[in-house]
Amino acid sequence: MVIQPTLEELIEQIFALNQAWKQASNVLLTPNAGLVISLKELKTTLQIRLLRSYPTRAYLQIDAETESEEPLYGVIISPPLGKYSNAAHLPVRVAQTRLTPTELTQLVRN
């Protein structure tokens, strides 16, 4: 039996992990610490799960406003769910390795 979290539960988990890896990175003073990498990977896994489980409610959109060392997608929730209009950022590089070309074509919007 596969337990399917709700859209809201997935978004809440993603934001919790996003905060946790940022805090861990600050405390440990290195982005390459094992805990930091594990938290970031788990966040990414949940983002991919959200995109695959709720393709009619979530999509990827390039975020041209956020300053970053690499291009980022915003994981957009549409229509917004309560206070959530997105599920954090996903590096384009990561999306290209974790999603198939077909999935990217279906999920990326301008």
PDB file of N, CA and C in Angstrom:
ATOM      1  N   MET A   1       0.839  -1.178   0.000  1.00  0.00           N
ATOM      2  CA  MET A   1       0.000   0.000   0.000  1.00  0.00           C
ATOM      3  C   MET A   1       0.885   1.244   0.000  1.00  0.00           C
ATOM      4  N   VAL A   2       0.708   2.097  -0.999  1.00  0.00           N
ATOM      5  CA  VAL A   2       1.479   3.327  -1.113  1.00  0.00           C
ATOM      6  C   VAL A   2       0.688   4.457  -0.469  1.00  0.00           C
ATOM      7  N   ILE A   3       1.337   5.163   0.435  1.00  0.00           N
ATOM      8  CA  ILE A   3       0.690   6.305   1.080  1.00  0.00           C
ATOM      9  C   ILE A   3       1.002   7.543   0.254  1.00  0.00           C
ATOM     10  N   GLN A   4      -0.040   8.215  -0.193  1.00  0.00           N
ATOM     11  CA  GLN A   4       0.107   9.410  -1.013  1.00  0.00           C
ATOM     12  C   GLN A   4      -0.192  10.640  -0.163  1.00  0.00           C
ATOM     13  N   PRO A   5       0.832  11.454   0.148  1.00  0.00           N
ATOM     14  CA  PRO A   5       0.555  12.668   0.909  1.00  0.00           C
ATOM     15  C   PRO A   5      -0.254  13.645   0.064  1.00  0.00           C
ATOM     16  N   THR A   6      -0.999  14.489   0.737  1.00  0.00           N
ATOM     17  CA  THR A   6      -1.756  15.514   0.028  1.00  0.00           C
ATOM     18  C   THR A   6      -0.788  16.546  -0.538  1.00  0.00           C
ATOM     19  N   LEU A   7      -1.281  17.357  -1.440  1.00  0.00           N
ATOM     20  CA  LEU A   7      -0.478  18.432  -2.017  1.00  0.00           C
ATOM     21  C   LEU A   7       0.043  19.345  -0.913  1.00  0.00           C
ATOM     22  N   GLU A   8      -0.823  19.716  -0.004  1.00  0.00           N
ATOM     23  CA  GLU A   8      -0.416  20.615   1.082  1.00  0.00           C
ATOM     24  C   GLU A   8       0.644  19.972   1.979  1.00  0.00           C
ATOM     25  N   GLU A   9       0.494  18.694   2.273  1.00  0.00           N
ATOM     26  CA  GLU A   9       1.493  18.000   3.098  1.00  0.00           C
ATOM     27  C   GLU A   9       2.860  17.987   2.415  1.00  0.00           C
ATOM     28  N   LEU A  10       2.877  17.715   1.120  1.00  0.00           N
ATOM     29  CA  LEU A  10       4.145  17.716   0.386  1.00  0.00           C
ATOM     30  C   LEU A  10       4.792  19.097   0.405  1.00  0.00           C
ATOM     31  N   ILE A  11       4.000  20.127   0.176  1.00  0.00           N
ATOM     32  CA  ILE A  11       4.541  21.490   0.174  1.00  0.00           C
ATOM     33  C   ILE A  11       5.107  21.837   1.547  1.00  0.00           C
ATOM     34  N   GLU A  12       4.387  21.502   2.603  1.00  0.00           N
ATOM     35  CA  GLU A  12       4.869  21.783   3.959  1.00  0.00           C
ATOM     36  C   GLU A  12       6.172  21.040   4.243  1.00  0.00           C
ATOM     37  N   GLN A  13       6.270  19.799   3.799  1.00  0.00           N
ATOM     38  CA  GLN A  13       7.500  19.026   3.995  1.00  0.00           C
ATOM     39  C   GLN A  13       8.661  19.650   3.217  1.00  0.00           C
ATOM     40  N   ILE A  14       8.396  20.101   2.006  1.00  0.00           N
ATOM     41  CA  ILE A  14       9.431  20.731   1.180  1.00  0.00           C
ATOM     42  C   ILE A  14       9.957  21.991   1.857  1.00  0.00           C
ATOM     43  N   PHE A  15       9.050  22.836   2.350  1.00  0.00           N
ATOM     44  CA  PHE A  15       9.492  24.064   3.011  1.00  0.00           C
ATOM     45  C   PHE A  15      10.241  23.770   4.304  1.00  0.00           C
ATOM     46  N   ALA A  16       9.813  22.767   5.048  1.00  0.00           N
ATOM     47  CA  ALA A  16      10.518  22.395   6.282  1.00  0.00           C
ATOM     48  C   ALA A  16      11.942  21.932   5.961  1.00  0.00           C
ATOM     49  N   LEU A  17      12.085  21.112   4.938  1.00  0.00           N
ATOM     50  CA  LEU A  17      13.418  20.637   4.548  1.00  0.00           C
ATOM     51  C   LEU A  17      14.274  21.763   3.979  1.00  0.00           C
ATOM     52  N   ASN A  18      13.658  22.675   3.242  1.00  0.00           N
ATOM     53  CA  ASN A  18      14.380  23.813   2.691  1.00  0.00           C
ATOM     54  C   ASN A  18      14.989  24.643   3.825  1.00  0.00           C
ATOM     55  N   GLN A  19      14.188  24.917   4.855  1.00  0.00           N
ATOM     56  CA  GLN A  19      14.690  25.667   6.014  1.00  0.00           C
ATOM     57  C   GLN A  19      15.757  24.875   6.756  1.00  0.00           C
ATOM     58  N   ALA A  20      15.540  23.579   6.908  1.00  0.00           N
ATOM     59  CA  ALA A  20      16.483  22.740   7.651  1.00  0.00           C
ATOM     60  C   ALA A  20      17.850  22.703   6.977  1.00  0.00           C
ATOM     61  N   TRP A  21      17.893  22.554   5.650  1.00  0.00           N
ATOM     62  CA  TRP A  21      19.210  22.482   5.007  1.00  0.00           C
ATOM     63  C   TRP A  21      19.909  23.822   5.038  1.00  0.00           C
ATOM     64  N   LYS A  22      19.150  24.920   4.952  1.00  0.00           N
ATOM     65  CA  LYS A  22      19.780  26.246   5.052  1.00  0.00           C
ATOM     66  C   LYS A  22      20.344  26.467   6.455  1.00  0.00           C
ATOM     67  N   GLN A  23      19.572  26.090   7.473  1.00  0.00           N
ATOM     68  CA  GLN A  23      20.045  26.223   8.856  1.00  0.00           C
ATOM     69  C   GLN A  23      21.263  25.338   9.095  1.00  0.00           C
ATOM     70  N   ALA A  24      21.210  24.111   8.636  1.00  0.00           N
ATOM     71  CA  ALA A  24      22.331  23.189   8.821  1.00  0.00           C
ATOM     72  C   ALA A  24      23.582  23.721   8.127  1.00  0.00           C
ATOM     73  N   SER A  25      23.416  24.302   6.957  1.00  0.00           N
ATOM     74  CA  SER A  25      24.548  24.861   6.223  1.00  0.00           C
ATOM     75  C   SER A  25      25.173  26.015   7.000  1.00  0.00           C
ATOM     76  N   ASN A  26      24.334  26.856   7.611  1.00  0.00           N
ATOM     77  CA  ASN A  26      24.835  27.981   8.407  1.00  0.00           C
ATOM     78  C   ASN A  26      25.542  27.503   9.667  1.00  0.00           C
ATOM     79  N   VAL A  27      24.967  26.538  10.349  1.00  0.00           N
ATOM     80  CA  VAL A  27      25.534  26.033  11.602  1.00  0.00           C
ATOM     81  C   VAL A  27      26.832  25.274  11.345  1.00  0.00           C
ATOM     82  N   LEU A  28      26.821  24.430  10.329  1.00  0.00           N
ATOM     83  CA  LEU A  28      27.997  23.613  10.033  1.00  0.00           C
ATOM     84  C   LEU A  28      29.038  24.370   9.206  1.00  0.00           C
ATOM     85  N   LEU A  29      28.642  25.539   8.710  1.00  0.00           N
ATOM     86  CA  LEU A  29      29.527  26.422   7.950  1.00  0.00           C
ATOM     87  C   LEU A  29      30.091  25.807   6.675  1.00  0.00           C
ATOM     88  N   THR A  30      29.393  24.835   6.152  1.00  0.00           N
ATOM     89  CA  THR A  30      29.822  24.258   4.876  1.00  0.00           C
ATOM     90  C   THR A  30      28.628  23.664   4.133  1.00  0.00           C
ATOM     91  N   PRO A  31      28.506  23.983   2.851  1.00  0.00           N
ATOM     92  CA  PRO A  31      27.407  23.403   2.071  1.00  0.00           C
ATOM     93  C   PRO A  31      27.659  21.947   1.685  1.00  0.00           C
ATOM     94  N   ASN A  32      28.853  21.441   1.967  1.00  0.00           N
ATOM     95  CA  ASN A  32      29.197  20.076   1.565  1.00  0.00           C
ATOM     96  C   ASN A  32      29.139  19.068   2.700  1.00  0.00           C
ATOM     97  N   ALA A  33      28.654  19.473   3.863  1.00  0.00           N
ATOM     98  CA  ALA A  33      28.516  18.538   4.982  1.00  0.00           C
ATOM     99  C   ALA A  33      27.472  17.481   4.625  1.00  0.00           C
ATOM    100  N   GLY A  34      27.668  16.274   5.110  1.00  0.00           N
ATOM    101  CA  GLY A  34      26.758  15.172   4.795  1.00  0.00           C
ATOM    102  C   GLY A  34      25.309  15.474   5.115  1.00  0.00           C
ATOM    103  N   LEU A  35      25.052  16.063   6.284  1.00  0.00           N
ATOM    104  CA  LEU A  35      23.679  16.394   6.679  1.00  0.00           C
ATOM    105  C   LEU A  35      23.061  17.392   5.715  1.00  0.00           C
ATOM    106  N   VAL A  36      23.824  18.400   5.335  1.00  0.00           N
ATOM    107  CA  VAL A  36      23.328  19.429   4.421  1.00  0.00           C
ATOM    108  C   VAL A  36      22.963  18.805   3.078  1.00  0.00           C
ATOM    109  N   ILE A  37      23.834  17.979   2.565  1.00  0.00           N
ATOM    110  CA  ILE A  37      23.586  17.325   1.273  1.00  0.00           C
ATOM    111  C   ILE A  37      22.363  16.420   1.353  1.00  0.00           C
ATOM    112  N   SER A  38      22.230  15.672   2.433  1.00  0.00           N
ATOM    113  CA  SER A  38      21.080  14.767   2.596  1.00  0.00           C
ATOM    114  C   SER A  38      19.769  15.536   2.659  1.00  0.00           C
ATOM    115  N   LEU A  39      19.741  16.633   3.399  1.00  0.00           N
ATOM    116  CA  LEU A  39      18.515  17.437   3.501  1.00  0.00           C
ATOM    117  C   LEU A  39      18.147  18.039   2.149  1.00  0.00           C
ATOM    118  N   LYS A  40      19.145  18.532   1.431  1.00  0.00           N
ATOM    119  CA  LYS A  40      18.895  19.124   0.116  1.00  0.00           C
ATOM    120  C   LYS A  40      18.379  18.068  -0.861  1.00  0.00           C
ATOM    121  N   GLU A  41      18.965  16.877  -0.829  1.00  0.00           N
ATOM    122  CA  GLU A  41      18.528  15.782  -1.706  1.00  0.00           C
ATOM    123  C   GLU A  41      17.097  15.345  -1.393  1.00  0.00           C
ATOM    124  N   LEU A  42      16.763  15.283  -0.121  1.00  0.00           N
ATOM    125  CA  LEU A  42      15.403  14.899   0.269  1.00  0.00           C
ATOM    126  C   LEU A  42      14.400  15.947  -0.193  1.00  0.00           C
ATOM    127  N   LYS A  43      14.756  17.227  -0.067  1.00  0.00           N
ATOM    128  CA  LYS A  43      13.882  18.298  -0.557  1.00  0.00           C
ATOM    129  C   LYS A  43      13.653  18.134  -2.056  1.00  0.00           C
ATOM    130  N   THR A  44      14.722  17.879  -2.798  1.00  0.00           N
ATOM    131  CA  THR A  44      14.609  17.693  -4.242  1.00  0.00           C
ATOM    132  C   THR A  44      13.727  16.495  -4.577  1.00  0.00           C
ATOM    133  N   THR A  45      13.910  15.406  -3.864  1.00  0.00           N
ATOM    134  CA  THR A  45      13.098  14.206  -4.092  1.00  0.00           C
ATOM    135  C   THR A  45      11.619  14.504  -3.880  1.00  0.00           C
ATOM    136  N   LEU A  46      11.299  15.264  -2.835  1.00  0.00           N
ATOM    137  CA  LEU A  46       9.896  15.614  -2.588  1.00  0.00           C
ATOM    138  C   LEU A  46       9.363  16.565  -3.652  1.00  0.00           C
ATOM    139  N   GLN A  47      10.198  17.474  -4.145  1.00  0.00           N
ATOM    140  CA  GLN A  47       9.757  18.362  -5.221  1.00  0.00           C
ATOM    141  C   GLN A  47       9.438  17.560  -6.485  1.00  0.00           C
ATOM    142  N   ILE A  48      10.278  16.608  -6.811  1.00  0.00           N
ATOM    143  CA  ILE A  48      10.029  15.760  -7.984  1.00  0.00           C
ATOM    144  C   ILE A  48       8.755  14.944  -7.771  1.00  0.00           C
ATOM    145  N   ARG A  49       8.582  14.428  -6.579  1.00  0.00           N
ATOM    146  CA  ARG A  49       7.365  13.667  -6.261  1.00  0.00           C
ATOM    147  C   ARG A  49       6.130  14.548  -6.421  1.00  0.00           C
ATOM    148  N   LEU A  50       6.205  15.783  -5.949  1.00  0.00           N
ATOM    149  CA  LEU A  50       5.086  16.718  -6.073  1.00  0.00           C
ATOM    150  C   LEU A  50       4.767  16.957  -7.545  1.00  0.00           C
ATOM    151  N   LEU A  51       5.786  17.229  -8.350  1.00  0.00           N
ATOM    152  CA  LEU A  51       5.570  17.492  -9.773  1.00  0.00           C
ATOM    153  C   LEU A  51       4.961  16.291 -10.487  1.00  0.00           C
ATOM    154  N   ARG A  52       5.410  15.107 -10.144  1.00  0.00           N
ATOM    155  CA  ARG A  52       4.883  13.897 -10.791  1.00  0.00           C
ATOM    156  C   ARG A  52       3.502  13.517 -10.267  1.00  0.00           C
ATOM    157  N   SER A  53       3.245  13.763  -8.998  1.00  0.00           N
ATOM    158  CA  SER A  53       1.967  13.369  -8.397  1.00  0.00           C
ATOM    159  C   SER A  53       0.849  14.363  -8.675  1.00  0.00           C
ATOM    160  N   TYR A  54       1.202  15.622  -8.870  1.00  0.00           N
ATOM    161  CA  TYR A  54       0.200  16.675  -9.051  1.00  0.00           C
ATOM    162  C   TYR A  54       0.526  17.530 -10.281  1.00  0.00           C
ATOM    163  N   PRO A  55       0.625  16.920 -11.471  1.00  0.00           N
ATOM    164  CA  PRO A  55       1.022  17.678 -12.662  1.00  0.00           C
ATOM    165  C   PRO A  55       0.003  18.730 -13.101  1.00  0.00           C
ATOM    166  N   THR A  56      -1.228  18.617 -12.648  1.00  0.00           N
ATOM    167  CA  THR A  56      -2.216  19.641 -13.001  1.00  0.00           C
ATOM    168  C   THR A  56      -2.193  20.812 -12.024  1.00  0.00           C
ATOM    169  N   ARG A  57      -1.475  20.665 -10.926  1.00  0.00           N
ATOM    170  CA  ARG A  57      -1.417  21.721  -9.904  1.00  0.00           C
ATOM    171  C   ARG A  57      -0.029  22.334  -9.747  1.00  0.00           C
ATOM    172  N   ALA A  58       1.006  21.682 -10.268  1.00  0.00           N
ATOM    173  CA  ALA A  58       2.374  22.171 -10.083  1.00  0.00           C
ATOM    174  C   ALA A  58       3.108  22.183 -11.420  1.00  0.00           C
ATOM    175  N   TYR A  59       3.925  23.213 -11.607  1.00  0.00           N
ATOM    176  CA  TYR A  59       4.737  23.298 -12.815  1.00  0.00           C
ATOM    177  C   TYR A  59       6.030  24.042 -12.507  1.00  0.00           C
ATOM    178  N   LEU A  60       6.950  24.038 -13.459  1.00  0.00           N
ATOM    179  CA  LEU A  60       8.240  24.705 -13.323  1.00  0.00           C
ATOM    180  C   LEU A  60       8.251  25.982 -14.150  1.00  0.00           C
ATOM    181  N   GLN A  61       8.842  27.027 -13.573  1.00  0.00           N
ATOM    182  CA  GLN A  61       8.969  28.294 -14.282  1.00  0.00           C
ATOM    183  C   GLN A  61      10.320  28.909 -13.915  1.00  0.00           C
ATOM    184  N   ILE A  62      11.077  29.336 -14.920  1.00  0.00           N
ATOM    185  CA  ILE A  62      12.372  29.967 -14.660  1.00  0.00           C
ATOM    186  C   ILE A  62      12.155  31.175 -13.755  1.00  0.00           C
ATOM    187  N   ASP A  63      12.969  31.276 -12.716  1.00  0.00           N
ATOM    188  CA  ASP A  63      12.924  32.420 -11.804  1.00  0.00           C
ATOM    189  C   ASP A  63      14.069  33.350 -12.181  1.00  0.00           C
ATOM    190  N   ALA A  64      13.739  34.421 -12.890  1.00  0.00           N
ATOM    191  CA  ALA A  64      14.749  35.368 -13.347  1.00  0.00           C
ATOM    192  C   ALA A  64      15.054  36.427 -12.293  1.00  0.00           C
ATOM    193  N   GLU A  65      14.285  36.465 -11.215  1.00  0.00           N
ATOM    194  CA  GLU A  65      14.447  37.511 -10.208  1.00  0.00           C
ATOM    195  C   GLU A  65      15.362  37.116  -9.054  1.00  0.00           C
ATOM    196  N   THR A  66      15.450  35.845  -8.742  1.00  0.00           N
ATOM    197  CA  THR A  66      16.260  35.400  -7.613  1.00  0.00           C
ATOM    198  C   THR A  66      17.730  35.345  -8.015  1.00  0.00           C
ATOM    199  N   GLU A  67      18.582  35.971  -7.199  1.00  0.00           N
ATOM    200  CA  GLU A  67      20.019  35.915  -7.455  1.00  0.00           C
ATOM    201  C   GLU A  67      20.552  34.553  -7.038  1.00  0.00           C
ATOM    202  N   SER A  68      21.250  33.919  -7.952  1.00  0.00           N
ATOM    203  CA  SER A  68      21.777  32.584  -7.693  1.00  0.00           C
ATOM    204  C   SER A  68      22.995  32.342  -8.574  1.00  0.00           C
ATOM    205  N   GLU A  69      23.823  31.392  -8.163  1.00  0.00           N
ATOM    206  CA  GLU A  69      24.998  31.034  -8.953  1.00  0.00           C
ATOM    207  C   GLU A  69      24.621  30.253 -10.209  1.00  0.00           C
ATOM    208  N   GLU A  70      23.410  29.713 -10.241  1.00  0.00           N
ATOM    209  CA  GLU A  70      22.962  28.925 -11.385  1.00  0.00           C
ATOM    210  C   GLU A  70      21.481  29.197 -11.634  1.00  0.00           C
ATOM    211  N   PRO A  71      20.994  28.912 -12.851  1.00  0.00           N
ATOM    212  CA  PRO A  71      19.574  29.130 -13.148  1.00  0.00           C
ATOM    213  C   PRO A  71      18.688  28.256 -12.260  1.00  0.00           C
ATOM    214  N   LEU A  72      17.564  28.845 -11.849  1.00  0.00           N
ATOM    215  CA  LEU A  72      16.627  28.149 -10.969  1.00  0.00           C
ATOM    216  C   LEU A  72      15.236  28.131 -11.569  1.00  0.00           C
ATOM    217  N   TYR A  73      14.540  27.027 -11.334  1.00  0.00           N
ATOM    218  CA  TYR A  73      13.105  26.977 -11.579  1.00  0.00           C
ATOM    219  C   TYR A  73      12.407  27.270 -10.264  1.00  0.00           C
ATOM    220  N   GLY A  74      11.299  27.977 -10.346  1.00  0.00           N
ATOM    221  CA  GLY A  74      10.376  28.015  -9.231  1.00  0.00           C
ATOM    222  C   GLY A  74       9.417  26.856  -9.439  1.00  0.00           C
ATOM    223  N   VAL A  75       9.106  26.131  -8.372  1.00  0.00           N
ATOM    224  CA  VAL A  75       8.089  25.081  -8.444  1.00  0.00           C
ATOM    225  C   VAL A  75       6.783  25.780  -8.079  1.00  0.00           C
ATOM    226  N   ILE A  76       5.983  26.081  -9.083  1.00  0.00           N
ATOM    227  CA  ILE A  76       4.799  26.917  -8.929  1.00  0.00           C
ATOM    228  C   ILE A  76       3.566  26.059  -8.656  1.00  0.00           C
ATOM    229  N   ILE A  77       2.752  26.509  -7.706  1.00  0.00           N
ATOM    230  CA  ILE A  77       1.494  25.843  -7.373  1.00  0.00           C
ATOM    231  C   ILE A  77       0.364  26.700  -7.937  1.00  0.00           C
ATOM    232  N   SER A  78      -0.484  26.097  -8.771  1.00  0.00           N
ATOM    233  CA  SER A  78      -1.561  26.845  -9.399  1.00  0.00           C
ATOM    234  C   SER A  78      -2.838  26.017  -9.439  1.00  0.00           C
ATOM    235  N   PRO A  79      -3.924  26.582  -8.936  1.00  0.00           N
ATOM    236  CA  PRO A  79      -3.975  27.839  -8.199  1.00  0.00           C
ATOM    237  C   PRO A  79      -3.289  27.683  -6.846  1.00  0.00           C
ATOM    238  N   PRO A  80      -2.897  28.822  -6.241  1.00  0.00           N
ATOM    239  CA  PRO A  80      -2.252  28.742  -4.930  1.00  0.00           C
ATOM    240  C   PRO A  80      -3.105  27.962  -3.932  1.00  0.00           C
ATOM    241  N   LEU A  81      -2.420  27.317  -3.015  1.00  0.00           N
ATOM    242  CA  LEU A  81      -3.085  26.511  -1.989  1.00  0.00           C
ATOM    243  C   LEU A  81      -2.865  27.201  -0.648  1.00  0.00           C
ATOM    244  N   GLY A  82      -3.878  27.913  -0.179  1.00  0.00           N
ATOM    245  CA  GLY A  82      -3.727  28.669   1.058  1.00  0.00           C
ATOM    246  C   GLY A  82      -2.606  29.677   0.908  1.00  0.00           C
ATOM    247  N   LYS A  83      -1.626  29.613   1.807  1.00  0.00           N
ATOM    248  CA  LYS A  83      -0.505  30.559   1.764  1.00  0.00           C
ATOM    249  C   LYS A  83       0.589  30.136   0.780  1.00  0.00           C
ATOM    250  N   TYR A  84       0.419  29.007   0.119  1.00  0.00           N
ATOM    251  CA  TYR A  84       1.461  28.470  -0.760  1.00  0.00           C
ATOM    252  C   TYR A  84       1.171  28.737  -2.233  1.00  0.00           C
ATOM    253  N   SER A  85       2.059  29.501  -2.860  1.00  0.00           N
ATOM    254  CA  SER A  85       1.969  29.700  -4.309  1.00  0.00           C
ATOM    255  C   SER A  85       3.135  29.010  -5.017  1.00  0.00           C
ATOM    256  N   ASN A  86       4.062  28.467  -4.211  1.00  0.00           N
ATOM    257  CA  ASN A  86       5.201  27.752  -4.778  1.00  0.00           C
ATOM    258  C   ASN A  86       5.701  26.719  -3.778  1.00  0.00           C
ATOM    259  N   ALA A  87       6.611  25.886  -4.247  1.00  0.00           N
ATOM    260  CA  ALA A  87       7.234  24.869  -3.389  1.00  0.00           C
ATOM    261  C   ALA A  87       8.750  24.974  -3.512  1.00  0.00           C
ATOM    262  N   ALA A  88       9.254  26.198  -3.295  1.00  0.00           N
ATOM    263  CA  ALA A  88      10.686  26.500  -3.280  1.00  0.00           C
ATOM    264  C   ALA A  88      11.298  26.424  -4.680  1.00  0.00           C
ATOM    265  N   HIS A  89      12.619  26.543  -4.737  1.00  0.00           N
ATOM    266  CA  HIS A  89      13.347  26.530  -6.005  1.00  0.00           C
ATOM    267  C   HIS A  89      13.974  25.170  -6.267  1.00  0.00           C
ATOM    268  N   LEU A  90      14.131  24.902  -7.545  1.00  0.00           N
ATOM    269  CA  LEU A  90      14.783  23.679  -8.001  1.00  0.00           C
ATOM    270  C   LEU A  90      15.788  24.094  -9.075  1.00  0.00           C
ATOM    271  N   PRO A  91      17.082  23.840  -8.872  1.00  0.00           N
ATOM    272  CA  PRO A  91      18.049  24.204  -9.909  1.00  0.00           C
ATOM    273  C   PRO A  91      17.714  23.536 -11.245  1.00  0.00           C
ATOM    274  N   VAL A  92      17.861  24.293 -12.324  1.00  0.00           N
ATOM    275  CA  VAL A  92      17.589  23.767 -13.665  1.00  0.00           C
ATOM    276  C   VAL A  92      18.426  22.516 -13.910  1.00  0.00           C
ATOM    277  N   ARG A  93      19.689  22.557 -13.513  1.00  0.00           N
ATOM    278  CA  ARG A  93      20.604  21.424 -13.681  1.00  0.00           C
ATOM    279  C   ARG A  93      20.053  20.166 -13.019  1.00  0.00           C
ATOM    280  N   VAL A  94      19.494  20.316 -11.833  1.00  0.00           N
ATOM    281  CA  VAL A  94      18.946  19.172 -11.099  1.00  0.00           C
ATOM    282  C   VAL A  94      17.684  18.658 -11.788  1.00  0.00           C
ATOM    283  N   ALA A  95      16.817  19.567 -12.208  1.00  0.00           N
ATOM    284  CA  ALA A  95      15.592  19.155 -12.908  1.00  0.00           C
ATOM    285  C   ALA A  95      15.930  18.369 -14.169  1.00  0.00           C
ATOM    286  N   GLN A  96      16.968  18.806 -14.873  1.00  0.00           N
ATOM    287  CA  GLN A  96      17.353  18.125 -16.113  1.00  0.00           C
ATOM    288  C   GLN A  96      17.901  16.725 -15.866  1.00  0.00           C
ATOM    289  N   THR A  97      18.443  16.474 -14.676  1.00  0.00           N
ATOM    290  CA  THR A  97      18.955  15.134 -14.383  1.00  0.00           C
ATOM    291  C   THR A  97      17.910  14.236 -13.734  1.00  0.00           C
ATOM    292  N   ARG A  98      16.914  14.830 -13.068  1.00  0.00           N
ATOM    293  CA  ARG A  98      15.931  14.029 -12.331  1.00  0.00           C
ATOM    294  C   ARG A  98      14.627  13.810 -13.091  1.00  0.00           C
ATOM    295  N   LEU A  99      14.353  14.645 -14.086  1.00  0.00           N
ATOM    296  CA  LEU A  99      13.126  14.520 -14.877  1.00  0.00           C
ATOM    297  C   LEU A  99      13.482  14.095 -16.299  1.00  0.00           C
ATOM    298  N   THR A 100      12.582  13.359 -16.924  1.00  0.00           N
ATOM    299  CA  THR A 100      12.807  12.953 -18.310  1.00  0.00           C
ATOM    300  C   THR A 100      12.570  14.152 -19.230  1.00  0.00           C
ATOM    301  N   PRO A 101      13.096  14.111 -20.461  1.00  0.00           N
ATOM    302  CA  PRO A 101      12.823  15.191 -21.406  1.00  0.00           C
ATOM    303  C   PRO A 101      11.318  15.410 -21.620  1.00  0.00           C
ATOM    304  N   THR A 102      10.555  14.336 -21.651  1.00  0.00           N
ATOM    305  CA  THR A 102       9.101  14.455 -21.812  1.00  0.00           C
ATOM    306  C   THR A 102       8.486  15.169 -20.619  1.00  0.00           C
ATOM    307  N   GLU A 103       8.915  14.796 -19.413  1.00  0.00           N
ATOM    308  CA  GLU A 103       8.395  15.462 -18.213  1.00  0.00           C
ATOM    309  C   GLU A 103       8.749  16.945 -18.219  1.00  0.00           C
ATOM    310  N   LEU A 104       9.973  17.270 -18.596  1.00  0.00           N
ATOM    311  CA  LEU A 104      10.374  18.680 -18.647  1.00  0.00           C
ATOM    312  C   LEU A 104       9.507  19.456 -19.631  1.00  0.00           C
ATOM    313  N   THR A 105       9.265  18.869 -20.793  1.00  0.00           N
ATOM    314  CA  THR A 105       8.419  19.524 -21.791  1.00  0.00           C
ATOM    315  C   THR A 105       7.027  19.796 -21.232  1.00  0.00           C
ATOM    316  N   GLN A 106       6.493  18.841 -20.486  1.00  0.00           N
ATOM    317  CA  GLN A 106       5.149  18.985 -19.928  1.00  0.00           C
ATOM    318  C   GLN A 106       5.104  19.929 -18.729  1.00  0.00           C
ATOM    319  N   LEU A 107       6.182  20.002 -17.965  1.00  0.00           N
ATOM    320  CA  LEU A 107       6.156  20.740 -16.700  1.00  0.00           C
ATOM    321  C   LEU A 107       6.691  22.165 -16.770  1.00  0.00           C
ATOM    322  N   VAL A 108       7.519  22.482 -17.768  1.00  0.00           N
ATOM    323  CA  VAL A 108       8.103  23.823 -17.845  1.00  0.00           C
ATOM    324  C   VAL A 108       7.150  24.750 -18.589  1.00  0.00           C
ATOM    325  N   ARG A 109       6.866  25.880 -17.946  1.00  0.00           N
ATOM    326  CA  ARG A 109       6.023  26.914 -18.560  1.00  0.00           C
ATOM    327  C   ARG A 109       6.776  28.234 -18.526  1.00  0.00           C
ATOM    328  N   ASN A 110       6.423  29.100 -19.459  1.00  0.00           N
ATOM    329  CA  ASN A 110       7.075  30.418 -19.517  1.00  0.00           C
ATOM    330  C   ASN A 110       6.340  31.433 -18.714  1.00  0.00           C
TER     331      ASN A 110
END
